Amino acid sequence: MSDERGPQETSRGRRPRAWMIVLAAVVLLVDQASKFWAMSALSSGEEITVIPRLLSLRLLLNPGAAFSLGEGVTWVFALAAAGAVAGILYASRRLRSPAWGVGLGALLGGATSHLLDRLFRPPAFAQGHVVDFIDYGGLFVGNVADIALTGGCALLFLLSVRGIPLGDASGEERLSSTPPASSGSSAA
């Protein structure tokens, strides 16, 4: 049976996914541009103080995950990032919530940027180092993708706690594939 949703409903359902993709592209571009800047401006080992003792900029090529953990298994992080990107794209097929679109877009952009670093940066394919350059008072060093990933995770956690669904809570997706109930009168 054909989909009985009107064109306005169908386009409204696609809009959060489109905005998710746009946000992911913005995160990816800003992250990669900032890493390009960091590689050129900070490569000589200099440090730029932004807020004394709290925030500075210094280049760090990270072969591991957060806090440089897992330095010898960089290829695992490439696989994890690829899985995250695939999982987000798969989940977004049900996306109807603009807020979930923002959270998933931030995650998709950050994960895609990290995946590109892992795949195409030195020392080798699928063993690349992530470019980190935002030093948080000596606690850890990150990048724009890390900010997007952290913000996206926090938003998705809040949406989950508040019970805001990813897809249509009314069950419209299930109902659109079932034939309408008969009105009680038959034509034969």
N, C-alpha and C. Protein backbone atom coordinates (compact mmCIF):
# COMPACT_ATOMS: atom_id res chain seq x y z
N MET A 1 0.85 -1.17 0.00
CA MET A 1 0.00 0.00 0.00
C MET A 1 0.89 1.23 0.00
N SER A 2 0.42 2.30 -0.58
CA SER A 2 1.23 3.51 -0.70
C SER A 2 1.31 4.26 0.61
N ASP A 3 2.31 5.08 0.73
CA ASP A 3 2.50 5.90 1.92
C ASP A 3 1.47 7.01 1.91
N GLU A 4 0.63 7.08 2.94
CA GLU A 4 -0.45 8.05 2.96
C GLU A 4 -0.05 9.37 3.59
N ARG A 5 1.20 9.53 3.95
CA ARG A 5 1.63 10.82 4.49
C ARG A 5 1.71 11.82 3.36
N GLY A 6 1.34 13.03 3.64
CA GLY A 6 1.40 14.08 2.63
C GLY A 6 2.82 14.57 2.42
N PRO A 7 3.04 15.38 1.36
CA PRO A 7 4.38 15.86 1.06
C PRO A 7 4.96 16.72 2.18
N GLN A 8 4.11 17.47 2.89
CA GLN A 8 4.62 18.30 3.97
C GLN A 8 5.12 17.44 5.12
N GLU A 9 4.39 16.38 5.47
CA GLU A 9 4.82 15.48 6.54
C GLU A 9 6.11 14.78 6.18
N THR A 10 6.22 14.33 4.93
CA THR A 10 7.40 13.61 4.49
C THR A 10 8.62 14.51 4.51
N SER A 11 8.50 15.74 4.01
CA SER A 11 9.65 16.65 4.01
C SER A 11 10.01 17.08 5.42
N ARG A 12 9.01 17.23 6.29
CA ARG A 12 9.29 17.60 7.67
C ARG A 12 10.06 16.47 8.36
N GLY A 13 9.74 15.22 8.02
CA GLY A 13 10.47 14.08 8.58
C GLY A 13 11.90 14.01 8.10
N ARG A 14 12.18 14.49 6.90
CA ARG A 14 13.54 14.46 6.36
C ARG A 14 14.37 15.64 6.84
N ARG A 15 13.72 16.71 7.26
CA ARG A 15 14.44 17.93 7.63
C ARG A 15 15.45 17.72 8.76
N PRO A 16 15.13 17.03 9.87
CA PRO A 16 16.16 16.83 10.91
C PRO A 16 17.38 16.07 10.40
N ARG A 17 17.17 15.12 9.50
CA ARG A 17 18.30 14.37 8.95
C ARG A 17 19.16 15.27 8.06
N ALA A 18 18.52 16.12 7.28
CA ALA A 18 19.27 17.04 6.43
C ALA A 18 20.10 18.01 7.29
N TRP A 19 19.50 18.52 8.35
CA TRP A 19 20.24 19.43 9.25
C TRP A 19 21.35 18.68 9.97
N MET A 20 21.12 17.41 10.29
CA MET A 20 22.17 16.60 10.90
C MET A 20 23.38 16.52 9.98
N ILE A 21 23.13 16.27 8.70
CA ILE A 21 24.22 16.16 7.71
C ILE A 21 24.93 17.50 7.56
N VAL A 22 24.17 18.60 7.52
CA VAL A 22 24.78 19.93 7.41
C VAL A 22 25.65 20.22 8.61
N LEU A 23 25.15 19.95 9.82
CA LEU A 23 25.94 20.19 11.03
C LEU A 23 27.20 19.32 11.03
N ALA A 24 27.07 18.06 10.63
CA ALA A 24 28.23 17.18 10.56
C ALA A 24 29.28 17.73 9.60
N ALA A 25 28.83 18.23 8.46
CA ALA A 25 29.77 18.81 7.48
C ALA A 25 30.46 20.05 8.05
N VAL A 26 29.72 20.88 8.77
CA VAL A 26 30.31 22.08 9.39
C VAL A 26 31.36 21.68 10.43
N VAL A 27 31.02 20.73 11.29
CA VAL A 27 31.97 20.25 12.30
C VAL A 27 33.22 19.69 11.62
N LEU A 28 33.03 18.88 10.61
CA LEU A 28 34.15 18.28 9.88
C LEU A 28 35.05 19.36 9.26
N LEU A 29 34.44 20.33 8.59
CA LEU A 29 35.23 21.39 7.94
C LEU A 29 35.96 22.27 8.95
N VAL A 30 35.26 22.68 10.01
CA VAL A 30 35.90 23.52 11.03
C VAL A 30 37.03 22.76 11.72
N ASP A 31 36.79 21.50 12.05
CA ASP A 31 37.83 20.71 12.71
C ASP A 31 39.04 20.54 11.81
N GLN A 32 38.84 20.15 10.56
CA GLN A 32 39.97 19.94 9.67
C GLN A 32 40.70 21.25 9.36
N ALA A 33 39.97 22.35 9.21
CA ALA A 33 40.61 23.66 8.98
C ALA A 33 41.43 24.08 10.20
N SER A 34 40.89 23.85 11.39
CA SER A 34 41.63 24.23 12.60
C SER A 34 42.87 23.35 12.78
N LYS A 35 42.78 22.10 12.37
CA LYS A 35 43.95 21.22 12.44
C LYS A 35 45.01 21.64 11.42
N PHE A 36 44.57 22.06 10.24
CA PHE A 36 45.50 22.57 9.24
C PHE A 36 46.23 23.79 9.79
N TRP A 37 45.46 24.70 10.42
CA TRP A 37 46.07 25.89 11.04
C TRP A 37 47.07 25.46 12.12
N ALA A 38 46.67 24.56 12.99
CA ALA A 38 47.53 24.13 14.10
C ALA A 38 48.82 23.51 13.57
N MET A 39 48.73 22.70 12.53
CA MET A 39 49.93 22.07 11.96
C MET A 39 50.89 23.11 11.41
N SER A 40 50.36 24.20 10.86
CA SER A 40 51.26 25.22 10.29
C SER A 40 51.71 26.24 11.34
N ALA A 41 50.83 26.63 12.24
CA ALA A 41 51.17 27.70 13.19
C ALA A 41 51.89 27.20 14.45
N LEU A 42 51.67 25.95 14.81
CA LEU A 42 52.22 25.44 16.08
C LEU A 42 53.28 24.36 15.88
N SER A 43 53.68 24.11 14.65
CA SER A 43 54.59 22.99 14.38
C SER A 43 55.99 23.20 14.93
N SER A 44 56.36 24.42 15.20
CA SER A 44 57.71 24.66 15.72
C SER A 44 57.81 24.45 17.23
N GLY A 45 56.76 23.94 17.84
CA GLY A 45 56.77 23.64 19.27
C GLY A 45 56.34 24.79 20.15
N GLU A 46 55.87 25.87 19.54
CA GLU A 46 55.45 27.00 20.37
C GLU A 46 54.10 26.75 21.02
N GLU A 47 53.84 27.49 22.08
CA GLU A 47 52.57 27.40 22.80
C GLU A 47 51.99 28.80 22.88
N ILE A 48 50.70 28.91 22.56
CA ILE A 48 49.99 30.19 22.62
C ILE A 48 49.05 30.15 23.81
N THR A 49 49.28 31.03 24.77
CA THR A 49 48.42 31.09 25.95
C THR A 49 47.16 31.88 25.60
N VAL A 50 46.00 31.28 25.85
CA VAL A 50 44.72 31.94 25.59
C VAL A 50 44.18 32.48 26.92
N ILE A 51 44.07 31.63 27.92
CA ILE A 51 43.69 32.02 29.29
C ILE A 51 44.75 31.39 30.20
N PRO A 52 45.56 32.24 30.84
CA PRO A 52 46.67 31.69 31.65
C PRO A 52 46.22 30.59 32.60
N ARG A 53 46.99 29.50 32.62
CA ARG A 53 46.80 28.30 33.45
C ARG A 53 45.53 27.52 33.16
N LEU A 54 44.68 27.97 32.22
CA LEU A 54 43.45 27.25 31.91
C LEU A 54 43.37 26.75 30.48
N LEU A 55 43.80 27.57 29.53
CA LEU A 55 43.62 27.22 28.13
C LEU A 55 44.77 27.76 27.30
N SER A 56 45.40 26.85 26.55
CA SER A 56 46.47 27.27 25.64
C SER A 56 46.39 26.40 24.39
N LEU A 57 47.16 26.81 23.39
CA LEU A 57 47.20 26.08 22.13
C LEU A 57 48.62 25.56 21.93
N ARG A 58 48.72 24.24 21.76
CA ARG A 58 50.01 23.60 21.48
C ARG A 58 49.75 22.33 20.71
N LEU A 59 50.64 22.01 19.79
CA LEU A 59 50.45 20.88 18.90
C LEU A 59 50.83 19.56 19.56
N LEU A 60 49.96 18.57 19.40
CA LEU A 60 50.22 17.23 19.88
C LEU A 60 49.63 16.26 18.85
N LEU A 61 50.45 15.36 18.34
CA LEU A 61 49.97 14.33 17.42
C LEU A 61 49.68 13.08 18.24
N ASN A 62 48.41 12.75 18.35
CA ASN A 62 47.96 11.70 19.26
C ASN A 62 47.73 10.38 18.52
N PRO A 63 48.56 9.37 18.80
CA PRO A 63 48.38 8.06 18.16
C PRO A 63 47.33 7.20 18.86
N GLY A 64 46.86 7.62 20.02
CA GLY A 64 45.92 6.81 20.79
C GLY A 64 44.55 7.45 20.86
N ALA A 65 43.83 7.09 21.90
CA ALA A 65 42.49 7.65 22.13
C ALA A 65 42.63 8.76 23.16
N ALA A 66 41.57 9.01 23.92
CA ALA A 66 41.61 10.05 24.94
C ALA A 66 42.77 9.79 25.90
N PHE A 67 43.46 10.84 26.25
CA PHE A 67 44.61 10.77 27.16
C PHE A 67 45.73 9.89 26.60
N SER A 68 45.77 9.75 25.27
CA SER A 68 46.79 8.96 24.55
C SER A 68 46.77 7.48 24.93
N LEU A 69 45.63 6.97 25.34
CA LEU A 69 45.51 5.54 25.66
C LEU A 69 45.49 4.72 24.38
N GLY A 70 46.04 3.54 24.41
CA GLY A 70 45.98 2.61 23.28
C GLY A 70 46.84 3.01 22.10
N GLU A 71 48.00 3.56 22.36
CA GLU A 71 48.86 4.05 21.29
C GLU A 71 49.27 2.97 20.29
N GLY A 72 49.35 1.73 20.69
CA GLY A 72 49.80 0.68 19.78
C GLY A 72 48.70 0.06 18.93
N VAL A 73 47.47 0.46 19.14
CA VAL A 73 46.35 -0.15 18.42
C VAL A 73 45.52 0.90 17.69
N THR A 74 46.21 1.81 17.01
CA THR A 74 45.54 2.90 16.30
C THR A 74 44.51 2.37 15.30
N TRP A 75 44.79 1.24 14.67
CA TRP A 75 43.87 0.70 13.68
C TRP A 75 42.52 0.34 14.30
N VAL A 76 42.51 -0.01 15.58
CA VAL A 76 41.25 -0.31 16.27
C VAL A 76 40.39 0.95 16.36
N PHE A 77 41.04 2.09 16.61
CA PHE A 77 40.30 3.35 16.69
C PHE A 77 39.75 3.75 15.32
N ALA A 78 40.48 3.42 14.25
CA ALA A 78 39.96 3.68 12.91
C ALA A 78 38.71 2.84 12.66
N LEU A 79 38.74 1.57 13.06
CA LEU A 79 37.56 0.71 12.91
C LEU A 79 36.40 1.21 13.78
N ALA A 80 36.70 1.63 15.00
CA ALA A 80 35.66 2.14 15.89
C ALA A 80 35.02 3.40 15.32
N ALA A 81 35.83 4.30 14.78
CA ALA A 81 35.29 5.52 14.18
C ALA A 81 34.43 5.19 12.97
N ALA A 82 34.87 4.25 12.14
CA ALA A 82 34.08 3.83 10.98
C ALA A 82 32.76 3.22 11.43
N GLY A 83 32.79 2.40 12.48
CA GLY A 83 31.57 1.82 13.02
C GLY A 83 30.63 2.88 13.58
N ALA A 84 31.19 3.88 14.24
CA ALA A 84 30.36 4.96 14.79
C ALA A 84 29.68 5.74 13.66
N VAL A 85 30.43 6.06 12.62
CA VAL A 85 29.86 6.79 11.48
C VAL A 85 28.73 5.96 10.86
N ALA A 86 28.98 4.68 10.62
CA ALA A 86 27.95 3.81 10.03
C ALA A 86 26.73 3.70 10.95
N GLY A 87 26.96 3.54 12.24
CA GLY A 87 25.86 3.43 13.20
C GLY A 87 25.01 4.69 13.26
N ILE A 88 25.66 5.84 13.25
CA ILE A 88 24.92 7.11 13.28
C ILE A 88 24.08 7.27 12.02
N LEU A 89 24.67 6.97 10.86
CA LEU A 89 23.92 7.08 9.60
C LEU A 89 22.74 6.10 9.57
N TYR A 90 22.94 4.91 10.09
CA TYR A 90 21.86 3.93 10.15
C TYR A 90 20.74 4.41 11.08
N ALA A 91 21.11 4.87 12.27
CA ALA A 91 20.10 5.34 13.23
C ALA A 91 19.36 6.56 12.71
N SER A 92 20.02 7.38 11.92
CA SER A 92 19.39 8.61 11.45
C SER A 92 18.27 8.36 10.45
N ARG A 93 18.13 7.15 9.95
CA ARG A 93 17.03 6.84 9.05
C ARG A 93 15.69 7.03 9.76
N ARG A 94 15.66 6.87 11.08
CA ARG A 94 14.44 7.02 11.87
C ARG A 94 14.30 8.41 12.46
N LEU A 95 15.26 9.28 12.20
CA LEU A 95 15.34 10.59 12.86
C LEU A 95 14.14 11.47 12.51
N ARG A 96 13.46 11.97 13.54
CA ARG A 96 12.37 12.92 13.37
C ARG A 96 12.53 14.11 14.33
N SER A 97 13.38 13.98 15.31
CA SER A 97 13.56 15.01 16.33
C SER A 97 14.70 15.95 15.95
N PRO A 98 14.43 17.26 15.85
CA PRO A 98 15.50 18.21 15.56
C PRO A 98 16.61 18.19 16.61
N ALA A 99 16.26 18.01 17.87
CA ALA A 99 17.28 17.98 18.93
C ALA A 99 18.20 16.77 18.76
N TRP A 100 17.62 15.63 18.45
CA TRP A 100 18.44 14.44 18.18
C TRP A 100 19.29 14.67 16.94
N GLY A 101 18.76 15.41 15.97
CA GLY A 101 19.53 15.73 14.77
C GLY A 101 20.78 16.53 15.10
N VAL A 102 20.66 17.47 16.03
CA VAL A 102 21.82 18.26 16.45
C VAL A 102 22.85 17.36 17.14
N GLY A 103 22.40 16.54 18.07
CA GLY A 103 23.32 15.65 18.78
C GLY A 103 24.01 14.67 17.86
N LEU A 104 23.23 14.03 16.99
CA LEU A 104 23.81 13.07 16.05
C LEU A 104 24.70 13.75 15.02
N GLY A 105 24.35 14.97 14.62
CA GLY A 105 25.18 15.72 13.68
C GLY A 105 26.54 16.05 14.27
N ALA A 106 26.54 16.45 15.55
CA ALA A 106 27.81 16.73 16.23
C ALA A 106 28.66 15.46 16.32
N LEU A 107 28.03 14.35 16.68
CA LEU A 107 28.75 13.07 16.75
C LEU A 107 29.27 12.63 15.38
N LEU A 108 28.43 12.75 14.37
CA LEU A 108 28.82 12.33 13.03
C LEU A 108 29.99 13.16 12.52
N GLY A 109 29.95 14.47 12.71
CA GLY A 109 31.04 15.32 12.26
C GLY A 109 32.34 15.01 12.99
N GLY A 110 32.27 14.86 14.30
CA GLY A 110 33.47 14.56 15.08
C GLY A 110 34.05 13.20 14.75
N ALA A 111 33.18 12.20 14.65
CA ALA A 111 33.65 10.84 14.34
C ALA A 111 34.23 10.76 12.93
N THR A 112 33.61 11.45 11.98
CA THR A 112 34.12 11.44 10.61
C THR A 112 35.48 12.11 10.53
N SER A 113 35.64 13.22 11.24
CA SER A 113 36.93 13.91 11.23
C SER A 113 38.03 13.05 11.85
N HIS A 114 37.73 12.40 12.95
CA HIS A 114 38.70 11.49 13.57
C HIS A 114 39.01 10.32 12.64
N LEU A 115 38.00 9.80 11.96
CA LEU A 115 38.22 8.72 11.02
C LEU A 115 39.17 9.15 9.89
N LEU A 116 38.96 10.34 9.36
CA LEU A 116 39.84 10.84 8.30
C LEU A 116 41.27 11.00 8.81
N ASP A 117 41.43 11.49 10.04
CA ASP A 117 42.77 11.58 10.62
C ASP A 117 43.41 10.20 10.70
N ARG A 118 42.67 9.23 11.21
CA ARG A 118 43.20 7.88 11.37
C ARG A 118 43.57 7.25 10.03
N LEU A 119 42.76 7.50 9.02
CA LEU A 119 42.99 6.88 7.72
C LEU A 119 44.11 7.54 6.93
N PHE A 120 44.18 8.88 6.95
CA PHE A 120 45.03 9.56 5.98
C PHE A 120 46.20 10.36 6.54
N ARG A 121 46.33 10.49 7.84
CA ARG A 121 47.48 11.21 8.39
C ARG A 121 48.63 10.24 8.63
N PRO A 122 49.86 10.77 8.67
CA PRO A 122 51.02 9.92 8.96
C PRO A 122 50.88 9.30 10.35
N PRO A 123 51.45 8.16 10.60
CA PRO A 123 52.54 7.54 9.84
C PRO A 123 52.10 6.63 8.70
N ALA A 124 50.86 6.07 8.74
CA ALA A 124 50.45 5.14 7.69
C ALA A 124 48.93 5.06 7.64
N PHE A 125 48.43 4.50 6.54
CA PHE A 125 46.99 4.33 6.37
C PHE A 125 46.41 3.52 7.53
N ALA A 126 45.31 4.02 8.09
CA ALA A 126 44.60 3.40 9.22
C ALA A 126 45.42 3.39 10.51
N GLN A 127 46.54 4.11 10.52
CA GLN A 127 47.36 4.23 11.73
C GLN A 127 47.70 5.69 12.00
N GLY A 128 46.96 6.60 11.35
CA GLY A 128 47.26 8.03 11.46
C GLY A 128 47.05 8.57 12.86
N HIS A 129 47.77 9.63 13.14
CA HIS A 129 47.67 10.31 14.43
C HIS A 129 46.66 11.44 14.33
N VAL A 130 45.83 11.59 15.36
CA VAL A 130 44.88 12.69 15.43
C VAL A 130 45.62 13.95 15.86
N VAL A 131 45.32 15.07 15.21
CA VAL A 131 45.94 16.34 15.54
C VAL A 131 45.16 16.97 16.69
N ASP A 132 45.80 17.09 17.84
CA ASP A 132 45.23 17.76 19.01
C ASP A 132 46.01 19.04 19.24
N PHE A 133 45.32 20.10 19.68
CA PHE A 133 46.03 21.36 19.90
C PHE A 133 45.41 22.27 20.94
N ILE A 134 44.28 21.92 21.49
CA ILE A 134 43.65 22.74 22.53
C ILE A 134 44.00 22.11 23.88
N ASP A 135 44.88 22.79 24.62
CA ASP A 135 45.37 22.29 25.91
C ASP A 135 44.52 22.89 27.03
N TYR A 136 43.86 22.01 27.76
CA TYR A 136 42.97 22.42 28.85
C TYR A 136 43.74 22.40 30.18
N GLY A 137 44.58 23.38 30.36
CA GLY A 137 45.31 23.55 31.62
C GLY A 137 46.19 22.38 32.00
N GLY A 138 46.71 21.66 31.04
CA GLY A 138 47.58 20.53 31.32
C GLY A 138 46.84 19.24 31.64
N LEU A 139 45.51 19.28 31.70
CA LEU A 139 44.74 18.06 31.99
C LEU A 139 44.70 17.13 30.78
N PHE A 140 44.40 17.68 29.63
CA PHE A 140 44.39 16.93 28.39
C PHE A 140 44.43 17.91 27.23
N VAL A 141 44.73 17.38 26.05
CA VAL A 141 44.81 18.19 24.83
C VAL A 141 43.82 17.59 23.85
N GLY A 142 43.00 18.43 23.22
CA GLY A 142 41.98 17.95 22.30
C GLY A 142 41.90 18.81 21.06
N ASN A 143 40.76 18.72 20.39
CA ASN A 143 40.53 19.47 19.16
C ASN A 143 39.04 19.79 19.03
N VAL A 144 38.66 20.43 17.93
CA VAL A 144 37.27 20.82 17.72
C VAL A 144 36.36 19.60 17.64
N ALA A 145 36.82 18.53 17.01
CA ALA A 145 36.01 17.31 16.92
C ALA A 145 35.71 16.76 18.31
N ASP A 146 36.68 16.84 19.22
CA ASP A 146 36.45 16.36 20.59
C ASP A 146 35.37 17.19 21.28
N ILE A 147 35.37 18.50 21.03
CA ILE A 147 34.33 19.37 21.61
C ILE A 147 32.96 18.95 21.07
N ALA A 148 32.88 18.71 19.75
CA ALA A 148 31.61 18.29 19.14
C ALA A 148 31.16 16.93 19.67
N LEU A 149 32.10 16.00 19.80
CA LEU A 149 31.76 14.67 20.32
C LEU A 149 31.26 14.75 21.76
N THR A 150 31.93 15.53 22.58
CA THR A 150 31.52 15.66 23.98
C THR A 150 30.16 16.35 24.09
N GLY A 151 29.98 17.43 23.34
CA GLY A 151 28.69 18.13 23.36
C GLY A 151 27.57 17.27 22.82
N GLY A 152 27.84 16.53 21.74
CA GLY A 152 26.83 15.64 21.17
C GLY A 152 26.43 14.53 22.14
N CYS A 153 27.42 13.94 22.80
CA CYS A 153 27.12 12.89 23.80
C CYS A 153 26.30 13.45 24.95
N ALA A 154 26.66 14.62 25.42
CA ALA A 154 25.92 15.24 26.53
C ALA A 154 24.48 15.53 26.13
N LEU A 155 24.29 16.04 24.92
CA LEU A 155 22.94 16.32 24.45
C LEU A 155 22.12 15.04 24.31
N LEU A 156 22.70 14.00 23.73
CA LEU A 156 21.96 12.75 23.57
C LEU A 156 21.62 12.12 24.92
N PHE A 157 22.52 12.26 25.89
CA PHE A 157 22.23 11.77 27.24
C PHE A 157 21.03 12.52 27.83
N LEU A 158 21.03 13.85 27.70
CA LEU A 158 19.91 14.64 28.22
C LEU A 158 18.60 14.30 27.52
N LEU A 159 18.64 14.13 26.22
CA LEU A 159 17.43 13.76 25.48
C LEU A 159 16.90 12.40 25.93
N SER A 160 17.81 11.48 26.15
CA SER A 160 17.41 10.14 26.62
C SER A 160 16.80 10.20 28.00
N VAL A 161 17.44 10.94 28.90
CA VAL A 161 16.94 11.07 30.27
C VAL A 161 15.56 11.73 30.29
N ARG A 162 15.37 12.70 29.41
CA ARG A 162 14.08 13.40 29.36
C ARG A 162 13.02 12.61 28.59
N GLY A 163 13.41 11.49 27.98
CA GLY A 163 12.44 10.65 27.27
C GLY A 163 12.05 11.17 25.90
N ILE A 164 12.88 12.01 25.31
CA ILE A 164 12.59 12.54 23.98
C ILE A 164 13.04 11.51 22.94
N PRO A 165 12.12 11.02 22.13
CA PRO A 165 12.47 9.94 21.20
C PRO A 165 13.24 10.42 19.97
N LEU A 166 14.01 9.51 19.42
CA LEU A 166 14.75 9.76 18.18
C LEU A 166 13.79 9.90 17.01
N GLY A 167 12.83 8.98 16.95
CA GLY A 167 11.87 8.95 15.85
C GLY A 167 10.53 9.47 16.30
N ASP A 168 9.53 9.17 15.51
CA ASP A 168 8.17 9.64 15.77
C ASP A 168 7.57 8.81 16.90
N ALA A 169 7.26 9.47 18.01
CA ALA A 169 6.72 8.79 19.18
C ALA A 169 5.29 8.30 18.96
N SER A 170 4.59 8.86 17.98
CA SER A 170 3.19 8.48 17.78
C SER A 170 3.04 7.14 17.09
N GLY A 171 4.14 6.58 16.62
CA GLY A 171 4.07 5.30 15.92
C GLY A 171 3.67 5.46 14.47
N GLU A 172 3.77 6.68 13.94
CA GLU A 172 3.37 6.94 12.56
C GLU A 172 4.10 6.03 11.58
N GLU A 173 5.38 5.73 11.86
CA GLU A 173 6.15 4.89 10.96
C GLU A 173 5.53 3.49 10.85
N ARG A 174 5.09 2.94 11.97
CA ARG A 174 4.48 1.62 11.95
C ARG A 174 3.10 1.67 11.29
N LEU A 175 2.34 2.71 11.62
CA LEU A 175 0.97 2.80 11.13
C LEU A 175 0.90 3.06 9.63
N SER A 176 1.88 3.75 9.09
CA SER A 176 1.82 4.09 7.67
C SER A 176 1.92 2.85 6.79
N SER A 177 2.45 1.76 7.31
CA SER A 177 2.58 0.55 6.50
C SER A 177 1.40 -0.41 6.69
N THR A 178 0.50 -0.12 7.63
CA THR A 178 -0.66 -0.99 7.83
C THR A 178 -1.86 -0.38 7.11
N PRO A 179 -2.67 -1.22 6.52
CA PRO A 179 -3.85 -0.68 5.81
C PRO A 179 -4.81 -0.05 6.81
N PRO A 180 -5.53 0.98 6.36
CA PRO A 180 -6.50 1.63 7.26
C PRO A 180 -7.61 0.66 7.65
N ALA A 181 -8.12 0.84 8.85
CA ALA A 181 -9.18 -0.03 9.35
C ALA A 181 -10.45 0.19 8.53
N SER A 182 -11.20 -0.86 8.37
CA SER A 182 -12.44 -0.76 7.60
C SER A 182 -13.48 0.00 8.41
N SER A 183 -14.36 0.70 7.72
CA SER A 183 -15.36 1.53 8.39
C SER A 183 -16.56 0.74 8.85
N GLY A 184 -16.56 -0.53 8.64
CA GLY A 184 -17.67 -1.37 9.09
C GLY A 184 -18.63 -1.73 7.99
N SER A 185 -18.68 -0.97 6.93
CA SER A 185 -19.58 -1.31 5.83
C SER A 185 -18.78 -1.95 4.71
N SER A 186 -19.33 -2.94 4.08
CA SER A 186 -18.62 -3.59 2.99
C SER A 186 -19.31 -3.29 1.67
N ALA A 187 -18.55 -3.27 0.62
CA ALA A 187 -19.09 -2.93 -0.71
C ALA A 187 -19.69 -4.14 -1.37
N ALA A 188 -19.49 -5.34 -0.90
CA ALA A 188 -20.02 -6.53 -1.60
C ALA A 188 -21.20 -7.08 -0.95
